[in-house]
C-alpha cells in the first residue's frame, strides 16, 4: 500500500492524498461510514455496490468507493457519480469486519488501483471482499447460473428431438 495515500486523524476526519501531497481532500466519517450500499443497474437486473465513506466537510456531498468500468479501477467518487440518477440503498449483508476495517480495505483497493474486470473483479467482488473476505458477485453467479440452465435446457431439447 502507498504509505501516504490516506490518513485518519482527529477521530473522524480522513485525509486522502491523490498524486502525492498536491491534490488532497478530506472526508468526514460518520455512523454510516463503512457500510455497503447498492443501486440498480440495467433496469434493476443488476445491483451496483459500493462502500459509503462519509461526507465532504465543505460541500456535505456523500463520498463512496466503487469499482466501475467507467474509471476502470476501484475509485473514490461523489454521490452523483455513484448513483447515476438511481436511488441508493443500504445493503443488509452482515460483514465480518468492522466499519473501520472495511474503509481501510476499500482504500487499499483504491491505492493498489484494483482493476475492473466484469468476470473477476467487479463492484460486487470488491464489496464482498472488503465486507466478508470472500470474493463473490451475487449477480454474476445468478446470471451465469441462468445461462448454464438455459444452455442445458436448449441443448437437451435438441438432443431429444434428434
Protein backbone atom coordinates (compact mmCIF):
# COMPACT_ATOMS: atom_id res chain seq x y z
CA UNK A 1 0.00 0.00 0.00
CA UNK A 2 1.14 3.55 -0.64
CA UNK A 3 2.01 4.77 2.84
CA UNK A 4 0.92 8.34 2.10
CA UNK A 5 -2.37 7.56 0.35
CA UNK A 6 -4.64 8.27 3.31
CA UNK A 7 -4.51 9.34 6.92
CA UNK A 8 -7.19 9.11 9.61
CA UNK A 9 -6.83 11.90 12.14
CA UNK A 10 -8.87 13.73 14.77
CA UNK A 11 -11.07 10.67 15.26
CA UNK A 12 -13.41 11.20 12.32
CA UNK A 13 -11.53 13.09 9.62
CA UNK A 14 -10.00 11.10 6.77
CA UNK A 15 -7.49 12.82 4.50
CA UNK A 16 -6.97 11.21 1.09
CA UNK A 17 -3.89 12.14 -0.92
CA UNK A 18 -4.01 11.86 -4.69
CA UNK A 19 -0.94 12.40 -6.87
CA UNK A 20 1.27 12.97 -3.87
CA UNK A 21 0.54 15.80 -1.47
CA UNK A 22 -0.52 18.37 -4.07
CA UNK A 23 -4.09 17.14 -4.53
CA UNK A 24 -5.73 16.03 -1.30
CA UNK A 25 -9.23 16.15 0.10
CA UNK A 26 -10.93 15.38 3.39
CA UNK A 27 -13.86 13.14 4.20
CA UNK A 28 -15.79 13.44 7.44
CA UNK A 29 -16.65 9.97 8.72
CA UNK A 30 -19.97 9.34 10.49
CA UNK A 31 -22.04 6.50 11.97
CA UNK A 32 -22.77 5.10 8.48
CA UNK A 33 -19.16 5.17 7.22
CA UNK A 34 -18.01 1.74 6.12
CA UNK A 35 -21.49 0.49 5.25
CA UNK A 36 -22.09 -1.30 1.96
CA UNK A 37 -24.52 0.41 -0.42
CA UNK A 38 -26.23 -0.54 -3.66
CA UNK A 39 -28.20 0.94 -6.53
CA UNK A 40 -29.98 -0.56 -9.50
CA UNK A 41 -28.15 -1.00 -12.79
CA UNK A 42 -29.52 -2.12 -16.17
CA UNK A 43 -33.13 -1.61 -15.14
CA UNK A 44 -32.70 -3.44 -11.85
CA UNK A 45 -31.30 -6.63 -13.38
CA UNK A 46 -28.02 -5.98 -11.56
CA UNK A 47 -27.10 -4.23 -8.31
CA UNK A 48 -24.14 -1.87 -8.38
CA UNK A 49 -22.47 -1.90 -4.96
CA UNK A 50 -20.03 0.37 -3.17
CA UNK A 51 -18.71 1.48 0.20
CA UNK A 52 -20.04 4.62 1.86
CA UNK A 53 -17.15 6.69 3.25
CA UNK A 54 -18.78 9.84 4.60
CA UNK A 55 -19.26 13.47 3.61
CA UNK A 56 -17.03 16.18 2.25
CA UNK A 57 -16.82 18.66 5.18
CA UNK A 58 -17.16 21.73 2.93
CA UNK A 59 -19.87 20.66 0.46
CA UNK A 60 -21.65 17.96 2.57
CA UNK A 61 -21.62 15.73 -0.54
CA UNK A 62 -21.61 11.97 0.11
CA UNK A 63 -18.42 10.11 -0.89
CA UNK A 64 -18.17 6.43 -1.95
CA UNK A 65 -15.68 3.81 -3.09
CA UNK A 66 -16.70 1.61 -6.00
CA UNK A 67 -15.21 -0.44 -8.82
CA UNK A 68 -16.82 0.58 -12.11
CA UNK A 69 -15.91 0.21 -15.80
CA UNK A 70 -16.11 3.99 -16.30
CA UNK A 71 -13.00 4.52 -14.16
CA UNK A 72 -11.61 1.06 -14.97
CA UNK A 73 -10.45 0.59 -11.37
CA UNK A 74 -11.54 0.97 -7.76
CA UNK A 75 -12.13 4.70 -7.25
CA UNK A 76 -13.42 7.30 -4.84
CA UNK A 77 -16.45 9.12 -6.26
CA UNK A 78 -19.13 11.53 -5.11
CA UNK A 79 -22.77 10.56 -4.60
CA UNK A 80 -23.92 11.72 -8.04
CA UNK A 81 -21.23 9.68 -9.78
CA UNK A 82 -22.11 6.60 -7.74
CA UNK A 83 -25.91 6.93 -8.02
CA UNK A 84 -26.10 7.86 -11.72
CA UNK A 85 -29.65 9.06 -11.16
CA UNK A 86 -30.76 5.99 -9.20
CA UNK A 87 -31.75 5.74 -5.54
CA UNK A 88 -29.04 4.40 -3.20
CA UNK A 89 -29.93 1.78 -0.57
CA UNK A 90 -28.04 0.30 2.39
CA UNK A 91 -27.17 -3.38 1.98
CA UNK A 92 -28.25 -5.66 4.82
CA UNK A 93 -25.43 -8.17 4.32
CA UNK A 94 -23.67 -8.87 7.64
CA UNK A 95 -19.97 -8.05 7.46
CA UNK A 96 -17.10 -9.92 9.11
CA UNK A 97 -15.07 -6.74 9.53
CA UNK A 98 -15.61 -3.52 11.48
CA UNK A 99 -16.57 -0.34 9.59
CA UNK A 100 -13.01 0.99 10.12
CA UNK A 101 -11.54 -2.19 8.62
CA UNK A 102 -13.97 -2.03 5.69
CA UNK A 103 -12.92 1.56 4.99
CA UNK A 104 -9.23 0.63 5.22
CA UNK A 105 -9.68 -2.41 2.94
CA UNK A 106 -11.62 -0.29 0.41
CA UNK A 107 -8.98 2.46 0.45
CA UNK A 108 -6.28 -0.18 -0.02
CA UNK A 109 -8.11 -1.36 -3.19
CA UNK A 110 -8.08 2.24 -4.45
CA UNK A 111 -4.40 2.68 -3.53
CA UNK A 112 -3.47 -0.51 -5.36
CA UNK A 113 -5.62 0.60 -8.32
CA UNK A 114 -7.59 -2.66 -8.29
CA UNK A 115 -8.66 -3.06 -11.94
CA UNK A 116 -12.27 -3.51 -13.02
CA UNK A 117 -12.88 -6.89 -14.67
CA UNK A 118 -16.51 -7.86 -15.16
CA UNK A 119 -15.97 -11.59 -14.51
CA UNK A 120 -13.38 -11.48 -11.73
CA UNK A 121 -13.13 -8.01 -10.18
CA UNK A 122 -16.37 -6.07 -10.44
CA UNK A 123 -18.13 -3.85 -7.91
CA UNK A 124 -19.73 -6.79 -6.08
CA UNK A 125 -16.41 -8.63 -5.85
CA UNK A 126 -14.88 -5.52 -4.23
CA UNK A 127 -17.62 -5.02 -1.63
CA UNK A 128 -17.81 -8.73 -0.87
CA UNK A 129 -14.06 -8.96 -0.24
CA UNK A 130 -13.92 -5.87 1.98
CA UNK A 131 -17.05 -6.94 3.89
CA UNK A 132 -16.59 -10.71 4.32
CA UNK A 133 -13.15 -11.57 2.98
CA UNK A 134 -14.75 -13.75 0.29
CA UNK A 135 -14.67 -12.75 -3.38
CA UNK A 136 -18.21 -13.15 -4.71
CA UNK A 137 -20.56 -11.48 -7.17
CA UNK A 138 -24.20 -12.41 -6.46
CA UNK A 139 -25.48 -11.11 -9.78
CA UNK A 140 -22.72 -12.69 -11.82
CA UNK A 141 -23.37 -16.03 -10.10
CA UNK A 142 -27.10 -15.63 -10.74
CA UNK A 143 -26.72 -14.75 -14.42
CA UNK A 144 -24.06 -17.40 -15.06
CA UNK A 145 -26.29 -19.99 -13.39
CA UNK A 146 -29.24 -18.91 -15.52
CA UNK A 147 -27.06 -19.17 -18.64
CA UNK A 148 -25.95 -22.68 -17.76
CA UNK A 149 -29.53 -23.73 -17.03
CA UNK A 150 -30.76 -22.22 -20.31
CA UNK A 151 -27.92 -23.88 -22.23
CA UNK A 152 -28.64 -27.28 -20.68
CA UNK A 153 -32.37 -26.94 -21.44
CA UNK A 154 -31.76 -25.75 -25.02
CA UNK A 155 -29.24 -28.46 -25.90
CA UNK A 156 -31.21 -31.11 -24.01
CA UNK A 157 -34.29 -30.27 -26.07
CA UNK A 158 -32.25 -30.55 -29.28
CA UNK A 159 -30.95 -33.96 -28.23
CA UNK A 160 -34.47 -35.21 -27.50
CA UNK A 161 -35.66 -34.16 -30.97
CA UNK A 162 -32.75 -35.96 -32.67
